[in-house]
Amino acid sequence: MKKLLFVGLAFIAFSCGSVESSKEYKELQSKYDSVLAVSSGKSGENAELTKMIEEIESNLDSVAKDQMVVSELNKEGYSNQRF
């Protein structure tokens, strides 16, 4: 009885060790690799979009500063004119 139990446990242990060579494992590994590739591509796109947004914000700040300068010059120009 002990020998039969030992052989059964040995069989289970060996069959569990061969998971990596199974077809299902290979399919799952392939899907995982695909998801990982897509994910890393998305990360690159996100970084690029973040950089573009920061550049746009910087340009908008620059435009706002220029508008303030023009507004101040207009005020000074009108105040210097005599009617």
PDB file of N, CA and C in Angstrom:
ATOM      1  N   MET A   1       0.813  -1.185   0.000  1.00  0.00           N
ATOM      2  CA  MET A   1       0.000   0.000   0.000  1.00  0.00           C
ATOM      3  C   MET A   1       0.868   1.266   0.000  1.00  0.00           C
ATOM      4  N   LYS A   2       1.945   1.223   0.813  1.00  0.00           N
ATOM      5  CA  LYS A   2       2.836   2.372   0.866  1.00  0.00           C
ATOM      6  C   LYS A   2       3.526   2.593  -0.478  1.00  0.00           C
ATOM      7  N   LYS A   3       3.879   1.484  -1.156  1.00  0.00           N
ATOM      8  CA  LYS A   3       4.535   1.597  -2.456  1.00  0.00           C
ATOM      9  C   LYS A   3       3.598   2.237  -3.477  1.00  0.00           C
ATOM     10  N   LEU A   4       2.338   1.846  -3.455  1.00  0.00           N
ATOM     11  CA  LEU A   4       1.358   2.407  -4.369  1.00  0.00           C
ATOM     12  C   LEU A   4       1.172   3.904  -4.111  1.00  0.00           C
ATOM     13  N   LEU A   5       1.113   4.297  -2.867  1.00  0.00           N
ATOM     14  CA  LEU A   5       0.984   5.708  -2.502  1.00  0.00           C
ATOM     15  C   LEU A   5       2.223   6.487  -2.947  1.00  0.00           C
ATOM     16  N   PHE A   6       3.402   5.917  -2.741  1.00  0.00           N
ATOM     17  CA  PHE A   6       4.651   6.555  -3.148  1.00  0.00           C
ATOM     18  C   PHE A   6       4.697   6.727  -4.662  1.00  0.00           C
ATOM     19  N   VAL A   7       4.313   5.698  -5.408  1.00  0.00           N
ATOM     20  CA  VAL A   7       4.313   5.776  -6.868  1.00  0.00           C
ATOM     21  C   VAL A   7       3.305   6.838  -7.335  1.00  0.00           C
ATOM     22  N   GLY A   8       2.161   6.901  -6.706  1.00  0.00           N
ATOM     23  CA  GLY A   8       1.146   7.905  -7.058  1.00  0.00           C
ATOM     24  C   GLY A   8       1.646   9.320  -6.816  1.00  0.00           C
ATOM     25  N   LEU A   9       2.263   9.529  -5.666  1.00  0.00           N
ATOM     26  CA  LEU A   9       2.802  10.850  -5.360  1.00  0.00           C
ATOM     27  C   LEU A   9       3.957  11.229  -6.300  1.00  0.00           C
ATOM     28  N   ALA A  10       4.787  10.255  -6.627  1.00  0.00           N
ATOM     29  CA  ALA A  10       5.884  10.500  -7.558  1.00  0.00           C
ATOM     30  C   ALA A  10       5.343  10.875  -8.935  1.00  0.00           C
ATOM     31  N   PHE A  11       4.304  10.179  -9.373  1.00  0.00           N
ATOM     32  CA  PHE A  11       3.687  10.474 -10.667  1.00  0.00           C
ATOM     33  C   PHE A  11       3.117  11.895 -10.679  1.00  0.00           C
ATOM     34  N   ILE A  12       2.452  12.276  -9.608  1.00  0.00           N
ATOM     35  CA  ILE A  12       1.886  13.632  -9.522  1.00  0.00           C
ATOM     36  C   ILE A  12       2.994  14.674  -9.532  1.00  0.00           C
ATOM     37  N   ALA A  13       4.064  14.421  -8.811  1.00  0.00           N
ATOM     38  CA  ALA A  13       5.179  15.366  -8.751  1.00  0.00           C
ATOM     39  C   ALA A  13       5.829  15.530 -10.121  1.00  0.00           C
ATOM     40  N   PHE A  14       6.016  14.445 -10.846  1.00  0.00           N
ATOM     41  CA  PHE A  14       6.626  14.525 -12.172  1.00  0.00           C
ATOM     42  C   PHE A  14       5.692  15.183 -13.177  1.00  0.00           C
ATOM     43  N   SER A  15       4.411  14.925 -13.065  1.00  0.00           N
ATOM     44  CA  SER A  15       3.474  15.526 -14.013  1.00  0.00           C
ATOM     45  C   SER A  15       3.338  17.028 -13.766  1.00  0.00           C
ATOM     46  N   CYS A  16       3.474  17.465 -12.543  1.00  0.00           N
ATOM     47  CA  CYS A  16       3.424  18.897 -12.245  1.00  0.00           C
ATOM     48  C   CYS A  16       4.673  19.603 -12.751  1.00  0.00           C
ATOM     49  N   GLY A  17       5.763  18.922 -12.821  1.00  0.00           N
ATOM     50  CA  GLY A  17       7.017  19.518 -13.269  1.00  0.00           C
ATOM     51  C   GLY A  17       7.050  19.767 -14.763  1.00  0.00           C
ATOM     52  N   SER A  18       6.184  19.136 -15.526  1.00  0.00           N
ATOM     53  CA  SER A  18       6.213  19.278 -16.971  1.00  0.00           C
ATOM     54  C   SER A  18       5.184  20.289 -17.474  1.00  0.00           C
ATOM     55  N   VAL A  19       4.785  21.203 -16.644  1.00  0.00           N
ATOM     56  CA  VAL A  19       3.793  22.212 -17.026  1.00  0.00           C
ATOM     57  C   VAL A  19       4.336  23.105 -18.131  1.00  0.00           C
ATOM     58  N   GLU A  20       5.610  23.462 -18.046  1.00  0.00           N
ATOM     59  CA  GLU A  20       6.195  24.379 -19.025  1.00  0.00           C
ATOM     60  C   GLU A  20       6.219  23.821 -20.434  1.00  0.00           C
ATOM     61  N   SER A  21       6.168  22.531 -20.589  1.00  0.00           N
ATOM     62  CA  SER A  21       6.181  21.953 -21.930  1.00  0.00           C
ATOM     63  C   SER A  21       4.774  21.709 -22.472  1.00  0.00           C
ATOM     64  N   SER A  22       3.752  22.027 -21.698  1.00  0.00           N
ATOM     65  CA  SER A  22       2.385  21.789 -22.156  1.00  0.00           C
ATOM     66  C   SER A  22       1.956  22.848 -23.171  1.00  0.00           C
ATOM     67  N   LYS A  23       1.009  22.470 -23.999  1.00  0.00           N
ATOM     68  CA  LYS A  23       0.494  23.356 -25.041  1.00  0.00           C
ATOM     69  C   LYS A  23      -0.212  24.567 -24.415  1.00  0.00           C
ATOM     70  N   GLU A  24      -0.983  24.331 -23.389  1.00  0.00           N
ATOM     71  CA  GLU A  24      -1.717  25.415 -22.726  1.00  0.00           C
ATOM     72  C   GLU A  24      -0.755  26.446 -22.134  1.00  0.00           C
ATOM     73  N   TYR A  25       0.323  25.975 -21.529  1.00  0.00           N
ATOM     74  CA  TYR A  25       1.318  26.876 -20.958  1.00  0.00           C
ATOM     75  C   TYR A  25       1.945  27.743 -22.048  1.00  0.00           C
ATOM     76  N   LYS A  26       2.272  27.126 -23.171  1.00  0.00           N
ATOM     77  CA  LYS A  26       2.887  27.872 -24.267  1.00  0.00           C
ATOM     78  C   LYS A  26       1.929  28.916 -24.831  1.00  0.00           C
ATOM     79  N   GLU A  27       0.648  28.578 -24.928  1.00  0.00           N
ATOM     80  CA  GLU A  27      -0.344  29.545 -25.402  1.00  0.00           C
ATOM     81  C   GLU A  27      -0.464  30.726 -24.442  1.00  0.00           C
ATOM     82  N   LEU A  28      -0.523  30.417 -23.145  1.00  0.00           N
ATOM     83  CA  LEU A  28      -0.604  31.477 -22.154  1.00  0.00           C
ATOM     84  C   LEU A  28       0.648  32.351 -22.153  1.00  0.00           C
ATOM     85  N   GLN A  29       1.795  31.730 -22.330  1.00  0.00           N
ATOM     86  CA  GLN A  29       3.044  32.486 -22.386  1.00  0.00           C
ATOM     87  C   GLN A  29       3.056  33.408 -23.601  1.00  0.00           C
ATOM     88  N   SER A  30       2.547  32.918 -24.716  1.00  0.00           N
ATOM     89  CA  SER A  30       2.457  33.732 -25.928  1.00  0.00           C
ATOM     90  C   SER A  30       1.533  34.928 -25.718  1.00  0.00           C
ATOM     91  N   LYS A  31       0.376  34.695 -25.094  1.00  0.00           N
ATOM     92  CA  LYS A  31      -0.556  35.787 -24.815  1.00  0.00           C
ATOM     93  C   LYS A  31       0.072  36.801 -23.857  1.00  0.00           C
ATOM     94  N   TYR A  32       0.768  36.309 -22.864  1.00  0.00           N
ATOM     95  CA  TYR A  32       1.440  37.193 -21.907  1.00  0.00           C
ATOM     96  C   TYR A  32       2.466  38.073 -22.616  1.00  0.00           C
ATOM     97  N   ASP A  33       3.250  37.472 -23.500  1.00  0.00           N
ATOM     98  CA  ASP A  33       4.250  38.233 -24.238  1.00  0.00           C
ATOM     99  C   ASP A  33       3.596  39.303 -25.109  1.00  0.00           C
ATOM    100  N   SER A  34       2.458  38.968 -25.717  1.00  0.00           N
ATOM    101  CA  SER A  34       1.739  39.939 -26.546  1.00  0.00           C
ATOM    102  C   SER A  34       1.225  41.099 -25.706  1.00  0.00           C
ATOM    103  N   VAL A  35       0.641  40.797 -24.572  1.00  0.00           N
ATOM    104  CA  VAL A  35       0.132  41.842 -23.688  1.00  0.00           C
ATOM    105  C   VAL A  35       1.276  42.717 -23.188  1.00  0.00           C
ATOM    106  N   LEU A  36       2.388  42.111 -22.873  1.00  0.00           N
ATOM    107  CA  LEU A  36       3.544  42.862 -22.405  1.00  0.00           C
ATOM    108  C   LEU A  36       4.065  43.801 -23.486  1.00  0.00           C
ATOM    109  N   ALA A  37       4.096  43.343 -24.730  1.00  0.00           N
ATOM    110  CA  ALA A  37       4.557  44.182 -25.835  1.00  0.00           C
ATOM    111  C   ALA A  37       3.616  45.361 -26.053  1.00  0.00           C
ATOM    112  N   VAL A  38       2.320  45.110 -26.005  1.00  0.00           N
ATOM    113  CA  VAL A  38       1.338  46.186 -26.177  1.00  0.00           C
ATOM    114  C   VAL A  38       1.452  47.180 -25.034  1.00  0.00           C
ATOM    115  N   SER A  39       1.615  46.671 -23.831  1.00  0.00           N
ATOM    116  CA  SER A  39       1.720  47.534 -22.655  1.00  0.00           C
ATOM    117  C   SER A  39       2.939  48.445 -22.744  1.00  0.00           C
ATOM    118  N   SER A  40       4.060  47.911 -23.160  1.00  0.00           N
ATOM    119  CA  SER A  40       5.260  48.741 -23.252  1.00  0.00           C
ATOM    120  C   SER A  40       5.114  49.770 -24.363  1.00  0.00           C
ATOM    121  N   GLY A  41       4.399  49.426 -25.431  1.00  0.00           N
ATOM    122  CA  GLY A  41       4.128  50.395 -26.487  1.00  0.00           C
ATOM    123  C   GLY A  41       3.248  51.522 -25.989  1.00  0.00           C
ATOM    124  N   LYS A  42       2.253  51.188 -25.180  1.00  0.00           N
ATOM    125  CA  LYS A  42       1.357  52.201 -24.613  1.00  0.00           C
ATOM    126  C   LYS A  42       2.125  53.119 -23.662  1.00  0.00           C
ATOM    127  N   SER A  43       3.065  52.576 -22.916  1.00  0.00           N
ATOM    128  CA  SER A  43       3.849  53.394 -21.999  1.00  0.00           C
ATOM    129  C   SER A  43       4.651  54.433 -22.769  1.00  0.00           C
ATOM    130  N   GLY A  44       5.207  54.017 -23.900  1.00  0.00           N
ATOM    131  CA  GLY A  44       5.953  54.956 -24.738  1.00  0.00           C
ATOM    132  C   GLY A  44       5.063  56.044 -25.296  1.00  0.00           C
ATOM    133  N   GLU A  45       3.859  55.667 -25.714  1.00  0.00           N
ATOM    134  CA  GLU A  45       2.907  56.644 -26.235  1.00  0.00           C
ATOM    135  C   GLU A  45       2.492  57.618 -25.142  1.00  0.00           C
ATOM    136  N   ASN A  46       2.255  57.107 -23.944  1.00  0.00           N
ATOM    137  CA  ASN A  46       1.866  57.974 -22.828  1.00  0.00           C
ATOM    138  C   ASN A  46       2.964  58.982 -22.505  1.00  0.00           C
ATOM    139  N   ALA A  47       4.196  58.546 -22.532  1.00  0.00           N
ATOM    140  CA  ALA A  47       5.309  59.449 -22.249  1.00  0.00           C
ATOM    141  C   ALA A  47       5.401  60.531 -23.323  1.00  0.00           C
ATOM    142  N   GLU A  48       5.193  60.156 -24.562  1.00  0.00           N
ATOM    143  CA  GLU A  48       5.235  61.119 -25.661  1.00  0.00           C
ATOM    144  C   GLU A  48       4.092  62.129 -25.545  1.00  0.00           C
ATOM    145  N   LEU A  49       2.901  61.651 -25.214  1.00  0.00           N
ATOM    146  CA  LEU A  49       1.758  62.551 -25.045  1.00  0.00           C
ATOM    147  C   LEU A  49       1.968  63.499 -23.869  1.00  0.00           C
ATOM    148  N   THR A  50       2.529  63.007 -22.793  1.00  0.00           N
ATOM    149  CA  THR A  50       2.811  63.853 -21.636  1.00  0.00           C
ATOM    150  C   THR A  50       3.793  64.951 -22.007  1.00  0.00           C
ATOM    151  N   LYS A  51       4.800  64.606 -22.779  1.00  0.00           N
ATOM    152  CA  LYS A  51       5.783  65.592 -23.222  1.00  0.00           C
ATOM    153  C   LYS A  51       5.122  66.654 -24.099  1.00  0.00           C
ATOM    154  N   MET A  52       4.235  66.237 -24.996  1.00  0.00           N
ATOM    155  CA  MET A  52       3.539  67.180 -25.865  1.00  0.00           C
ATOM    156  C   MET A  52       2.644  68.120 -25.054  1.00  0.00           C
ATOM    157  N   ILE A  53       1.947  67.577 -24.064  1.00  0.00           N
ATOM    158  CA  ILE A  53       1.067  68.396 -23.226  1.00  0.00           C
ATOM    159  C   ILE A  53       1.883  69.422 -22.451  1.00  0.00           C
ATOM    160  N   GLU A  54       3.030  69.027 -21.924  1.00  0.00           N
ATOM    161  CA  GLU A  54       3.887  69.965 -21.195  1.00  0.00           C
ATOM    162  C   GLU A  54       4.387  71.076 -22.118  1.00  0.00           C
ATOM    163  N   GLU A  55       4.706  70.729 -23.347  1.00  0.00           N
ATOM    164  CA  GLU A  55       5.165  71.726 -24.310  1.00  0.00           C
ATOM    165  C   GLU A  55       4.039  72.708 -24.648  1.00  0.00           C
ATOM    166  N   ILE A  56       2.827  72.196 -24.818  1.00  0.00           N
ATOM    167  CA  ILE A  56       1.670  73.057 -25.106  1.00  0.00           C
ATOM    168  C   ILE A  56       1.403  73.997 -23.935  1.00  0.00           C
ATOM    169  N   GLU A  57       1.463  73.475 -22.720  1.00  0.00           N
ATOM    170  CA  GLU A  57       1.256  74.319 -21.539  1.00  0.00           C
ATOM    171  C   GLU A  57       2.309  75.421 -21.462  1.00  0.00           C
ATOM    172  N   SER A  58       3.534  75.082 -21.778  1.00  0.00           N
ATOM    173  CA  SER A  58       4.612  76.076 -21.769  1.00  0.00           C
ATOM    174  C   SER A  58       4.333  77.165 -22.804  1.00  0.00           C
ATOM    175  N   ASN A  59       3.905  76.762 -23.987  1.00  0.00           N
ATOM    176  CA  ASN A  59       3.595  77.743 -25.032  1.00  0.00           C
ATOM    177  C   ASN A  59       2.414  78.622 -24.640  1.00  0.00           C
ATOM    178  N   LEU A  60       1.408  78.051 -24.005  1.00  0.00           N
ATOM    179  CA  LEU A  60       0.258  78.840 -23.552  1.00  0.00           C
ATOM    180  C   LEU A  60       0.671  79.855 -22.490  1.00  0.00           C
ATOM    181  N   ASP A  61       1.564  79.456 -21.592  1.00  0.00           N
ATOM    182  CA  ASP A  61       2.071  80.393 -20.588  1.00  0.00           C
ATOM    183  C   ASP A  61       2.814  81.552 -21.251  1.00  0.00           C
ATOM    184  N   SER A  62       3.592  81.239 -22.261  1.00  0.00           N
ATOM    185  CA  SER A  62       4.334  82.261 -22.984  1.00  0.00           C
ATOM    186  C   SER A  62       3.380  83.230 -23.681  1.00  0.00           C
ATOM    187  N   VAL A  63       2.325  82.718 -24.280  1.00  0.00           N
ATOM    188  CA  VAL A  63       1.342  83.567 -24.948  1.00  0.00           C
ATOM    189  C   VAL A  63       0.642  84.465 -23.932  1.00  0.00           C
ATOM    190  N   ALA A  64       0.296  83.920 -22.787  1.00  0.00           N
ATOM    191  CA  ALA A  64      -0.364  84.715 -21.748  1.00  0.00           C
ATOM    192  C   ALA A  64       0.547  85.853 -21.281  1.00  0.00           C
ATOM    193  N   LYS A  65       1.825  85.594 -21.119  1.00  0.00           N
ATOM    194  CA  LYS A  65       2.770  86.643 -20.710  1.00  0.00           C
ATOM    195  C   LYS A  65       2.864  87.721 -21.788  1.00  0.00           C
ATOM    196  N   ASP A  66       2.920  87.292 -23.051  1.00  0.00           N
ATOM    197  CA  ASP A  66       2.984  88.253 -24.150  1.00  0.00           C
ATOM    198  C   ASP A  66       1.720  89.104 -24.200  1.00  0.00           C
ATOM    199  N   GLN A  67       0.569  88.523 -23.934  1.00  0.00           N
ATOM    200  CA  GLN A  67      -0.675  89.282 -23.926  1.00  0.00           C
ATOM    201  C   GLN A  67      -0.663  90.340 -22.826  1.00  0.00           C
ATOM    202  N   MET A  68      -0.107  89.981 -21.676  1.00  0.00           N
ATOM    203  CA  MET A  68      -0.029  90.943 -20.574  1.00  0.00           C
ATOM    204  C   MET A  68       0.880  92.119 -20.952  1.00  0.00           C
ATOM    205  N   VAL A  69       1.995  91.835 -21.632  1.00  0.00           N
ATOM    206  CA  VAL A  69       2.915  92.897 -22.050  1.00  0.00           C
ATOM    207  C   VAL A  69       2.219  93.817 -23.050  1.00  0.00           C
ATOM    208  N   VAL A  70       1.528  93.237 -24.014  1.00  0.00           N
ATOM    209  CA  VAL A  70       0.824  94.034 -25.012  1.00  0.00           C
ATOM    210  C   VAL A  70      -0.259  94.878 -24.355  1.00  0.00           C
ATOM    211  N   SER A  71      -0.960  94.310 -23.414  1.00  0.00           N
ATOM    212  CA  SER A  71      -2.005  95.040 -22.704  1.00  0.00           C
ATOM    213  C   SER A  71      -1.414  96.231 -21.950  1.00  0.00           C
ATOM    214  N   GLU A  72      -0.294  96.023 -21.290  1.00  0.00           N
ATOM    215  CA  GLU A  72       0.373  97.119 -20.573  1.00  0.00           C
ATOM    216  C   GLU A  72       0.846  98.206 -21.537  1.00  0.00           C
ATOM    217  N   LEU A  73       1.386  97.814 -22.686  1.00  0.00           N
ATOM    218  CA  LEU A  73       1.838  98.793 -23.674  1.00  0.00           C
ATOM    219  C   LEU A  73       0.661  99.593 -24.210  1.00  0.00           C
ATOM    220  N   ASN A  74      -0.477  98.935 -24.423  1.00  0.00           N
ATOM    221  CA  ASN A  74      -1.664  99.648 -24.896  1.00  0.00           C
ATOM    222  C   ASN A  74      -2.136 100.657 -23.871  1.00  0.00           C
ATOM    223  N   LYS A  75      -2.124 100.296 -22.600  1.00  0.00           N
ATOM    224  CA  LYS A  75      -2.540 101.217 -21.546  1.00  0.00           C
ATOM    225  C   LYS A  75      -1.614 102.424 -21.500  1.00  0.00           C
ATOM    226  N   GLU A  76      -0.315 102.175 -21.597  1.00  0.00           N
ATOM    227  CA  GLU A  76       0.654 103.267 -21.572  1.00  0.00           C
ATOM    228  C   GLU A  76       0.503 104.152 -22.794  1.00  0.00           C
ATOM    229  N   GLY A  77       0.244 103.567 -23.933  1.00  0.00           N
ATOM    230  CA  GLY A  77       0.088 104.336 -25.173  1.00  0.00           C
ATOM    231  C   GLY A  77      -1.114 105.242 -25.103  1.00  0.00           C
ATOM    232  N   TYR A  78      -2.234 104.757 -24.570  1.00  0.00           N
ATOM    233  CA  TYR A  78      -3.436 105.577 -24.461  1.00  0.00           C
ATOM    234  C   TYR A  78      -3.278 106.677 -23.416  1.00  0.00           C
ATOM    235  N   SER A  79      -2.559 106.391 -22.372  1.00  0.00           N
ATOM    236  CA  SER A  79      -2.403 107.398 -21.324  1.00  0.00           C
ATOM    237  C   SER A  79      -1.434 108.502 -21.773  1.00  0.00           C
ATOM    238  N   ASN A  80      -0.541 108.225 -22.703  1.00  0.00           N
ATOM    239  CA  ASN A  80       0.409 109.224 -23.189  1.00  0.00           C
ATOM    240  C   ASN A  80      -0.205 110.123 -24.264  1.00  0.00           C
ATOM    241  N   GLN A  81      -1.294 109.711 -24.848  1.00  0.00           N
ATOM    242  CA  GLN A  81      -1.914 110.509 -25.913  1.00  0.00           C
ATOM    243  C   GLN A  81      -2.733 111.643 -25.299  1.00  0.00           C
ATOM    244  N   ARG A  82      -2.678 112.791 -25.973  1.00  0.00           N
ATOM    245  CA  ARG A  82      -3.474 113.938 -25.524  1.00  0.00           C
ATOM    246  C   ARG A  82      -4.641 114.105 -26.478  1.00  0.00           C
ATOM    247  N   PHE A  83      -5.764 114.311 -25.919  1.00  0.00           N
ATOM    248  CA  PHE A  83      -6.964 114.487 -26.746  1.00  0.00           C
ATOM    249  C   PHE A  83      -7.319 115.922 -26.849  1.00  0.00           C
TER     250      PHE A  83
END
